[in-house]
Amino acid sequence: MYEALENIDSKERAGEPPREHLLGQFRTEAEAIEAARLARERFMSTASEDFAWWIVRFKGAKLARWIADSSSDKEFMLDLRSGQLVER
């Protein structure tokens, strides 16, 4: 199982931890990434000044397999051999 998460760091709540929202749990990584991309598109259409990021990971894992944020249109994946983020 994979899970997609959305995190929002609100300018109005400076100094407080980001809000984390579980977008759902999915059977495949591709389904989880699609859900995260849709959430990102919705967030970007709001023209919010908050900073947000989305991750896809194995359920309960500490390492993300896919990462994107609101500061650019780039997406990243974790190269498990090197431990480095690589652009997708």
Protein backbone atom coordinates (compact mmCIF):
# COMPACT_ATOMS: atom_id res chain seq x y z
CA MET A 1 0.00 0.00 0.00
CA TYR A 2 1.05 3.54 -0.77
CA GLU A 3 -0.14 6.74 0.81
CA ALA A 4 -0.28 10.26 -0.56
CA LEU A 5 0.09 13.16 1.85
CA GLU A 6 -0.32 16.92 1.56
CA ASN A 7 1.51 19.28 3.92
CA ILE A 8 0.72 22.99 4.17
CA ASP A 9 2.87 25.51 5.98
CA SER A 10 0.55 28.46 6.53
CA LYS A 11 1.90 32.02 6.61
CA GLU A 12 -0.90 32.92 9.02
CA ARG A 13 0.27 30.24 11.45
CA ALA A 14 3.99 31.07 11.35
CA GLY A 15 5.95 29.08 13.90
CA GLU A 16 3.38 26.30 14.10
CA PRO A 17 3.98 22.89 12.55
CA PRO A 18 2.67 22.35 9.02
CA ARG A 19 -0.75 20.76 8.64
CA GLU A 20 -0.50 17.23 7.27
CA HIS A 21 -3.45 15.71 5.43
CA LEU A 22 -3.67 12.11 4.27
CA LEU A 23 -5.03 12.21 0.71
CA GLY A 24 -5.61 8.48 0.71
CA GLN A 25 -4.13 5.00 0.60
CA PHE A 26 -3.63 3.33 -2.76
CA ARG A 27 -2.74 -0.08 -4.12
CA THR A 28 -0.20 1.29 -6.59
CA GLU A 29 2.39 4.04 -6.53
CA ALA A 30 0.97 5.44 -9.79
CA GLU A 31 -2.48 5.89 -8.21
CA ALA A 32 -0.97 7.64 -5.20
CA ILE A 33 1.09 9.97 -7.40
CA GLU A 34 -1.99 10.84 -9.46
CA ALA A 35 -3.90 11.75 -6.28
CA ALA A 36 -1.00 13.93 -5.10
CA ARG A 37 -0.78 15.64 -8.50
CA LEU A 38 -4.51 16.43 -8.42
CA ALA A 39 -4.20 17.88 -4.91
CA ARG A 40 -1.25 19.96 -6.08
CA GLU A 41 -3.23 21.29 -9.05
CA ARG A 42 -6.11 22.26 -6.74
CA PHE A 43 -3.75 24.03 -4.35
CA MET A 44 -1.93 25.87 -7.14
CA SER A 45 -5.24 27.11 -8.59
CA THR A 46 -5.99 28.93 -5.31
CA ALA A 47 -3.02 31.32 -5.67
CA SER A 48 -2.31 30.78 -1.98
CA GLU A 49 0.75 32.39 -0.41
CA ASP A 50 1.22 29.33 1.79
CA PHE A 51 3.94 26.78 1.05
CA ALA A 52 2.79 23.23 0.39
CA TRP A 53 4.37 19.93 -0.50
CA TRP A 54 3.12 16.51 -1.43
CA ILE A 55 4.70 13.13 -0.88
CA VAL A 56 4.01 9.53 -1.81
CA ARG A 57 5.47 6.76 0.30
CA PHE A 58 4.91 3.21 1.38
CA LYS A 59 2.29 3.24 4.12
CA GLY A 60 3.96 4.31 7.36
CA ALA A 61 7.43 4.72 5.82
CA LYS A 62 9.77 7.56 6.78
CA LEU A 63 11.21 7.95 3.26
CA ALA A 64 9.16 9.41 0.42
CA ARG A 65 9.22 7.79 -3.02
CA TRP A 66 7.84 10.90 -4.81
CA ILE A 67 7.98 14.57 -3.76
CA ALA A 68 6.69 17.83 -5.23
CA ASP A 69 6.18 21.29 -3.75
CA SER A 70 4.42 24.55 -4.52
CA SER A 71 7.60 26.49 -5.31
CA SER A 72 8.13 24.90 -8.74
CA ASP A 73 6.68 22.46 -11.23
CA LYS A 74 9.44 19.90 -10.63
CA GLU A 75 8.85 16.42 -9.23
CA PHE A 76 11.43 14.27 -7.50
CA MET A 77 11.95 10.60 -6.73
CA LEU A 78 14.34 8.98 -4.27
CA ASP A 79 17.18 6.99 -5.82
CA LEU A 80 17.44 4.16 -3.33
CA ARG A 81 20.96 3.25 -4.47
CA SER A 82 22.42 6.66 -3.71
CA GLY A 83 19.86 8.04 -1.24
CA GLN A 84 19.63 11.19 -3.38
CA LEU A 85 16.57 12.96 -4.74
CA VAL A 86 16.50 12.96 -8.52
CA GLU A 87 14.26 14.99 -10.76
CA ARG A 88 11.55 12.93 -12.37
